[in-house]
Amino acid sequence: MALEIVEGCVNCWACLPLCPNEAIVEAHPHFLIEPSLCSECVEAFATPQCAAICPVEGVIIDELGQALNPPGSLGGIIAGLPAPAANPQVGA
């Protein structure tokens, strides 16, 4: 039982400090999850913390190869944000 980070990870560092087992390691071309340390946060949290914070869809997968943040899953989060305020013109 372990998650995996696959190609597409942008090494943004969001997941690294959240892993309660310190299973995520810095690597290139992208971060990796050490399978022997990953518990999928089963007893610590309701959902895997790396997937909960990951801003990239489809890069954290389970043992069946299913993405925890499948393509299209983060669209609702972005769509729910307020539009940026218009910048008033200087001297208008």
Foldseek 3Di string as FASTA:
>chain_A
DAKWFAPPAPQPCQQQVVQPQSQWDADPPGITGNRVRGPQCVPNDPGRSSLVRDPTAPGIADPVSHTPRHPPNCVVVVVPDDDDDDDDDPPD
